[in-house]
Amino acid sequence: MSTTPQYRFETLQLHAGQSVDPTTRSRAVPIYQTSSYVFEDSAHGARLFGLQQFGNIYTRLMNP
């Protein structure tokens, strides 16, 4: 019986290039289910938050 794990292709690709974080001892990079959006300028942001223009903004109003 082998003590060396036989990982499949998908698992190897998912963890390629990662190493254990020395501070937290975390093995994998966490998945952050958040997003942010860039506005053209402050007026563009004001129009989006004022619901005068359709677009993605980080609120519960119009998340994609």
PDB file of N, CA and C in Angstrom:
ATOM      1  N   MET A   1       0.846  -1.175   0.000  1.00  0.00           N
ATOM      2  CA  MET A   1       0.000   0.000   0.000  1.00  0.00           C
ATOM      3  C   MET A   1       0.892   1.239   0.000  1.00  0.00           C
ATOM      4  N   SER A   2       0.617   2.147  -0.904  1.00  0.00           N
ATOM      5  CA  SER A   2       1.411   3.366  -1.037  1.00  0.00           C
ATOM      6  C   SER A   2       0.937   4.426  -0.051  1.00  0.00           C
ATOM      7  N   THR A   3       1.872   5.152   0.533  1.00  0.00           N
ATOM      8  CA  THR A   3       1.509   6.259   1.428  1.00  0.00           C
ATOM      9  C   THR A   3       1.528   7.591   0.689  1.00  0.00           C
ATOM     10  N   THR A   4       1.928   7.578  -0.582  1.00  0.00           N
ATOM     11  CA  THR A   4       1.933   8.790  -1.396  1.00  0.00           C
ATOM     12  C   THR A   4       0.554   8.975  -2.008  1.00  0.00           C
ATOM     13  N   PRO A   5      -0.092  10.134  -1.774  1.00  0.00           N
ATOM     14  CA  PRO A   5      -1.421  10.356  -2.352  1.00  0.00           C
ATOM     15  C   PRO A   5      -1.358  10.390  -3.871  1.00  0.00           C
ATOM     16  N   GLN A   6      -2.351   9.838  -4.509  1.00  0.00           N
ATOM     17  CA  GLN A   6      -2.449   9.843  -5.965  1.00  0.00           C
ATOM     18  C   GLN A   6      -3.567  10.812  -6.360  1.00  0.00           C
ATOM     19  N   TYR A   7      -3.222  12.096  -6.423  1.00  0.00           N
ATOM     20  CA  TYR A   7      -4.219  13.107  -6.757  1.00  0.00           C
ATOM     21  C   TYR A   7      -4.526  13.086  -8.247  1.00  0.00           C
ATOM     22  N   ARG A   8      -5.771  13.382  -8.578  1.00  0.00           N
ATOM     23  CA  ARG A   8      -6.182  13.444  -9.972  1.00  0.00           C
ATOM     24  C   ARG A   8      -5.781  14.794 -10.568  1.00  0.00           C
ATOM     25  N   PHE A   9      -5.875  14.896 -11.877  1.00  0.00           N
ATOM     26  CA  PHE A   9      -5.448  16.080 -12.611  1.00  0.00           C
ATOM     27  C   PHE A   9      -6.082  17.363 -12.065  1.00  0.00           C
ATOM     28  N   GLU A  10      -7.403  17.337 -11.830  1.00  0.00           N
ATOM     29  CA  GLU A  10      -8.116  18.524 -11.381  1.00  0.00           C
ATOM     30  C   GLU A  10      -7.591  19.025 -10.042  1.00  0.00           C
ATOM     31  N   THR A  11      -7.343  18.118  -9.112  1.00  0.00           N
ATOM     32  CA  THR A  11      -6.831  18.499  -7.795  1.00  0.00           C
ATOM     33  C   THR A  11      -5.438  19.089  -7.909  1.00  0.00           C
ATOM     34  N   LEU A  12      -4.610  18.483  -8.722  1.00  0.00           N
ATOM     35  CA  LEU A  12      -3.257  19.001  -8.913  1.00  0.00           C
ATOM     36  C   LEU A  12      -3.283  20.409  -9.506  1.00  0.00           C
ATOM     37  N   GLN A  13      -4.169  20.662 -10.456  1.00  0.00           N
ATOM     38  CA  GLN A  13      -4.262  21.982 -11.071  1.00  0.00           C
ATOM     39  C   GLN A  13      -4.786  23.024 -10.094  1.00  0.00           C
ATOM     40  N   LEU A  14      -5.715  22.632  -9.265  1.00  0.00           N
ATOM     41  CA  LEU A  14      -6.304  23.558  -8.303  1.00  0.00           C
ATOM     42  C   LEU A  14      -5.274  24.055  -7.297  1.00  0.00           C
ATOM     43  N   HIS A  15      -4.360  23.207  -6.903  1.00  0.00           N
ATOM     44  CA  HIS A  15      -3.390  23.557  -5.864  1.00  0.00           C
ATOM     45  C   HIS A  15      -1.992  23.849  -6.402  1.00  0.00           C
ATOM     46  N   ALA A  16      -1.840  23.931  -7.712  1.00  0.00           N
ATOM     47  CA  ALA A  16      -0.518  24.161  -8.302  1.00  0.00           C
ATOM     48  C   ALA A  16       0.063  25.490  -7.842  1.00  0.00           C
ATOM     49  N   GLY A  17       1.307  25.473  -7.420  1.00  0.00           N
ATOM     50  CA  GLY A  17       2.006  26.688  -7.031  1.00  0.00           C
ATOM     51  C   GLY A  17       1.667  27.214  -5.656  1.00  0.00           C
ATOM     52  N   GLN A  18       0.811  26.552  -4.921  1.00  0.00           N
ATOM     53  CA  GLN A  18       0.437  27.009  -3.590  1.00  0.00           C
ATOM     54  C   GLN A  18       1.290  26.325  -2.540  1.00  0.00           C
ATOM     55  N   SER A  19       1.547  27.062  -1.494  1.00  0.00           N
ATOM     56  CA  SER A  19       2.255  26.487  -0.355  1.00  0.00           C
ATOM     57  C   SER A  19       1.535  26.902   0.918  1.00  0.00           C
ATOM     58  N   VAL A  20       1.838  26.255   1.996  1.00  0.00           N
ATOM     59  CA  VAL A  20       1.183  26.534   3.274  1.00  0.00           C
ATOM     60  C   VAL A  20       1.568  27.933   3.748  1.00  0.00           C
ATOM     61  N   ASP A  21       0.566  28.723   4.155  1.00  0.00           N
ATOM     62  CA  ASP A  21       0.816  30.052   4.698  1.00  0.00           C
ATOM     63  C   ASP A  21       1.503  29.907   6.048  1.00  0.00           C
ATOM     64  N   PRO A  22       2.658  30.531   6.256  1.00  0.00           N
ATOM     65  CA  PRO A  22       3.391  30.331   7.502  1.00  0.00           C
ATOM     66  C   PRO A  22       2.698  30.919   8.733  1.00  0.00           C
ATOM     67  N   THR A  23       1.853  31.919   8.538  1.00  0.00           N
ATOM     68  CA  THR A  23       1.177  32.551   9.669  1.00  0.00           C
ATOM     69  C   THR A  23      -0.066  31.797  10.089  1.00  0.00           C
ATOM     70  N   THR A  24      -0.940  31.501   9.111  1.00  0.00           N
ATOM     71  CA  THR A  24      -2.230  30.876   9.431  1.00  0.00           C
ATOM     72  C   THR A  24      -2.235  29.367   9.247  1.00  0.00           C
ATOM     73  N   ARG A  25      -1.215  28.843   8.578  1.00  0.00           N
ATOM     74  CA  ARG A  25      -1.113  27.422   8.237  1.00  0.00           C
ATOM     75  C   ARG A  25      -2.225  26.998   7.273  1.00  0.00           C
ATOM     76  N   SER A  26      -2.821  27.963   6.581  1.00  0.00           N
ATOM     77  CA  SER A  26      -3.847  27.679   5.585  1.00  0.00           C
ATOM     78  C   SER A  26      -3.204  26.997   4.388  1.00  0.00           C
ATOM     79  N   ARG A  27      -3.870  26.006   3.837  1.00  0.00           N
ATOM     80  CA  ARG A  27      -3.329  25.241   2.719  1.00  0.00           C
ATOM     81  C   ARG A  27      -3.751  25.798   1.372  1.00  0.00           C
ATOM     82  N   ALA A  28      -4.937  26.372   1.298  1.00  0.00           N
ATOM     83  CA  ALA A  28      -5.455  26.847   0.023  1.00  0.00           C
ATOM     84  C   ALA A  28      -5.898  28.302   0.136  1.00  0.00           C
ATOM     85  N   VAL A  29      -5.859  28.992  -0.990  1.00  0.00           N
ATOM     86  CA  VAL A  29      -6.329  30.369  -1.045  1.00  0.00           C
ATOM     87  C   VAL A  29      -7.845  30.360  -0.873  1.00  0.00           C
ATOM     88  N   PRO A  30      -8.401  31.216   0.001  1.00  0.00           N
ATOM     89  CA  PRO A  30      -9.851  31.219   0.199  1.00  0.00           C
ATOM     90  C   PRO A  30     -10.587  31.785  -1.013  1.00  0.00           C
ATOM     91  N   ILE A  31     -11.844  31.426  -1.128  1.00  0.00           N
ATOM     92  CA  ILE A  31     -12.703  31.953  -2.183  1.00  0.00           C
ATOM     93  C   ILE A  31     -13.462  33.135  -1.598  1.00  0.00           C
ATOM     94  N   TYR A  32     -13.268  34.302  -2.183  1.00  0.00           N
ATOM     95  CA  TYR A  32     -13.984  35.500  -1.742  1.00  0.00           C
ATOM     96  C   TYR A  32     -15.143  35.731  -2.692  1.00  0.00           C
ATOM     97  N   GLN A  33     -16.369  35.664  -2.178  1.00  0.00           N
ATOM     98  CA  GLN A  33     -17.542  35.866  -3.017  1.00  0.00           C
ATOM     99  C   GLN A  33     -17.982  37.324  -2.938  1.00  0.00           C
ATOM    100  N   THR A  34     -17.081  38.218  -3.301  1.00  0.00           N
ATOM    101  CA  THR A  34     -17.364  39.645  -3.309  1.00  0.00           C
ATOM    102  C   THR A  34     -16.908  40.224  -4.635  1.00  0.00           C
ATOM    103  N   SER A  35     -17.290  41.443  -4.866  1.00  0.00           N
ATOM    104  CA  SER A  35     -16.884  42.117  -6.089  1.00  0.00           C
ATOM    105  C   SER A  35     -16.847  43.612  -5.846  1.00  0.00           C
ATOM    106  N   SER A  36     -16.181  44.313  -6.703  1.00  0.00           N
ATOM    107  CA  SER A  36     -16.175  45.774  -6.659  1.00  0.00           C
ATOM    108  C   SER A  36     -16.237  46.278  -8.091  1.00  0.00           C
ATOM    109  N   TYR A  37     -16.682  47.500  -8.255  1.00  0.00           N
ATOM    110  CA  TYR A  37     -16.867  48.070  -9.581  1.00  0.00           C
ATOM    111  C   TYR A  37     -16.158  49.410  -9.670  1.00  0.00           C
ATOM    112  N   VAL A  38     -15.737  49.759 -10.863  1.00  0.00           N
ATOM    113  CA  VAL A  38     -15.045  51.019 -11.110  1.00  0.00           C
ATOM    114  C   VAL A  38     -16.018  51.984 -11.773  1.00  0.00           C
ATOM    115  N   PHE A  39     -16.054  53.212 -11.279  1.00  0.00           N
ATOM    116  CA  PHE A  39     -16.887  54.254 -11.868  1.00  0.00           C
ATOM    117  C   PHE A  39     -16.022  55.139 -12.757  1.00  0.00           C
ATOM    118  N   GLU A  40     -16.627  55.701 -13.797  1.00  0.00           N
ATOM    119  CA  GLU A  40     -15.895  56.594 -14.695  1.00  0.00           C
ATOM    120  C   GLU A  40     -15.414  57.833 -13.948  1.00  0.00           C
ATOM    121  N   ASP A  41     -16.273  58.365 -13.094  1.00  0.00           N
ATOM    122  CA  ASP A  41     -15.955  59.517 -12.252  1.00  0.00           C
ATOM    123  C   ASP A  41     -17.013  59.587 -11.158  1.00  0.00           C
ATOM    124  N   SER A  42     -16.936  60.600 -10.293  1.00  0.00           N
ATOM    125  CA  SER A  42     -17.889  60.677  -9.181  1.00  0.00           C
ATOM    126  C   SER A  42     -19.312  60.919  -9.673  1.00  0.00           C
ATOM    127  N   ALA A  43     -19.464  61.644 -10.780  1.00  0.00           N
ATOM    128  CA  ALA A  43     -20.803  61.880 -11.331  1.00  0.00           C
ATOM    129  C   ALA A  43     -21.421  60.566 -11.814  1.00  0.00           C
ATOM    130  N   HIS A  44     -20.625  59.718 -12.416  1.00  0.00           N
ATOM    131  CA  HIS A  44     -21.101  58.410 -12.864  1.00  0.00           C
ATOM    132  C   HIS A  44     -21.568  57.588 -11.665  1.00  0.00           C
ATOM    133  N   GLY A  45     -20.780  57.573 -10.606  1.00  0.00           N
ATOM    134  CA  GLY A  45     -21.172  56.861  -9.391  1.00  0.00           C
ATOM    135  C   GLY A  45     -22.456  57.410  -8.805  1.00  0.00           C
ATOM    136  N   ALA A  46     -22.594  58.734  -8.795  1.00  0.00           N
ATOM    137  CA  ALA A  46     -23.805  59.365  -8.263  1.00  0.00           C
ATOM    138  C   ALA A  46     -25.026  58.971  -9.085  1.00  0.00           C
ATOM    139  N   ARG A  47     -24.888  58.920 -10.410  1.00  0.00           N
ATOM    140  CA  ARG A  47     -26.017  58.508 -11.259  1.00  0.00           C
ATOM    141  C   ARG A  47     -26.407  57.059 -10.995  1.00  0.00           C
ATOM    142  N   LEU A  48     -25.429  56.196 -10.819  1.00  0.00           N
ATOM    143  CA  LEU A  48     -25.729  54.786 -10.548  1.00  0.00           C
ATOM    144  C   LEU A  48     -26.433  54.619  -9.205  1.00  0.00           C
ATOM    145  N   PHE A  49     -25.885  55.230  -8.154  1.00  0.00           N
ATOM    146  CA  PHE A  49     -26.499  55.096  -6.834  1.00  0.00           C
ATOM    147  C   PHE A  49     -27.828  55.835  -6.741  1.00  0.00           C
ATOM    148  N   GLY A  50     -28.020  56.856  -7.585  1.00  0.00           N
ATOM    149  CA  GLY A  50     -29.293  57.570  -7.629  1.00  0.00           C
ATOM    150  C   GLY A  50     -30.314  56.887  -8.524  1.00  0.00           C
ATOM    151  N   LEU A  51     -29.941  55.726  -9.068  1.00  0.00           N
ATOM    152  CA  LEU A  51     -30.794  54.931  -9.960  1.00  0.00           C
ATOM    153  C   LEU A  51     -31.224  55.717 -11.191  1.00  0.00           C
ATOM    154  N   GLN A  52     -30.396  56.665 -11.618  1.00  0.00           N
ATOM    155  CA  GLN A  52     -30.656  57.433 -12.833  1.00  0.00           C
ATOM    156  C   GLN A  52     -30.027  56.761 -14.048  1.00  0.00           C
ATOM    157  N   GLN A  53     -29.106  55.867 -13.805  1.00  0.00           N
ATOM    158  CA  GLN A  53     -28.420  55.146 -14.874  1.00  0.00           C
ATOM    159  C   GLN A  53     -28.281  53.697 -14.435  1.00  0.00           C
ATOM    160  N   PHE A  54     -28.507  52.780 -15.374  1.00  0.00           N
ATOM    161  CA  PHE A  54     -28.384  51.365 -15.058  1.00  0.00           C
ATOM    162  C   PHE A  54     -26.918  50.953 -15.093  1.00  0.00           C
ATOM    163  N   GLY A  55     -26.531  50.139 -14.135  1.00  0.00           N
ATOM    164  CA  GLY A  55     -25.175  49.608 -14.093  1.00  0.00           C
ATOM    165  C   GLY A  55     -24.967  48.843 -12.801  1.00  0.00           C
ATOM    166  N   ASN A  56     -23.833  48.225 -12.678  1.00  0.00           N
ATOM    167  CA  ASN A  56     -23.528  47.432 -11.491  1.00  0.00           C
ATOM    168  C   ASN A  56     -22.950  48.310 -10.391  1.00  0.00           C
ATOM    169  N   ILE A  57     -23.530  48.207  -9.223  1.00  0.00           N
ATOM    170  CA  ILE A  57     -23.032  48.890  -8.034  1.00  0.00           C
ATOM    171  C   ILE A  57     -23.024  47.894  -6.894  1.00  0.00           C
ATOM    172  N   TYR A  58     -22.155  48.099  -5.937  1.00  0.00           N
ATOM    173  CA  TYR A  58     -22.036  47.140  -4.845  1.00  0.00           C
ATOM    174  C   TYR A  58     -23.061  47.444  -3.762  1.00  0.00           C
ATOM    175  N   THR A  59     -24.255  46.998  -3.978  1.00  0.00           N
ATOM    176  CA  THR A  59     -25.336  47.077  -2.996  1.00  0.00           C
ATOM    177  C   THR A  59     -26.225  45.872  -3.229  1.00  0.00           C
ATOM    178  N   ARG A  60     -27.303  45.791  -2.517  1.00  0.00           N
ATOM    179  CA  ARG A  60     -28.252  44.711  -2.754  1.00  0.00           C
ATOM    180  C   ARG A  60     -29.334  45.133  -3.751  1.00  0.00           C
ATOM    181  N   LEU A  61     -29.159  46.303  -4.367  1.00  0.00           N
ATOM    182  CA  LEU A  61     -30.135  46.767  -5.345  1.00  0.00           C
ATOM    183  C   LEU A  61     -29.990  46.069  -6.690  1.00  0.00           C
ATOM    184  N   MET A  62     -28.754  46.047  -7.239  1.00  0.00           N
ATOM    185  CA  MET A  62     -28.578  45.556  -8.603  1.00  0.00           C
ATOM    186  C   MET A  62     -27.339  44.693  -8.757  1.00  0.00           C
ATOM    187  N   ASN A  63     -27.067  43.809  -7.855  1.00  0.00           N
ATOM    188  CA  ASN A  63     -25.919  42.925  -8.048  1.00  0.00           C
ATOM    189  C   ASN A  63     -26.203  41.970  -9.192  1.00  0.00           C
ATOM    190  N   PRO A  64     -25.199  41.743 -10.042  1.00  0.00           N
ATOM    191  CA  PRO A  64     -25.420  40.812 -11.158  1.00  0.00           C
ATOM    192  C   PRO A  64     -25.542  39.382 -10.671  1.00  0.00           C
TER     193      PRO A  64
END
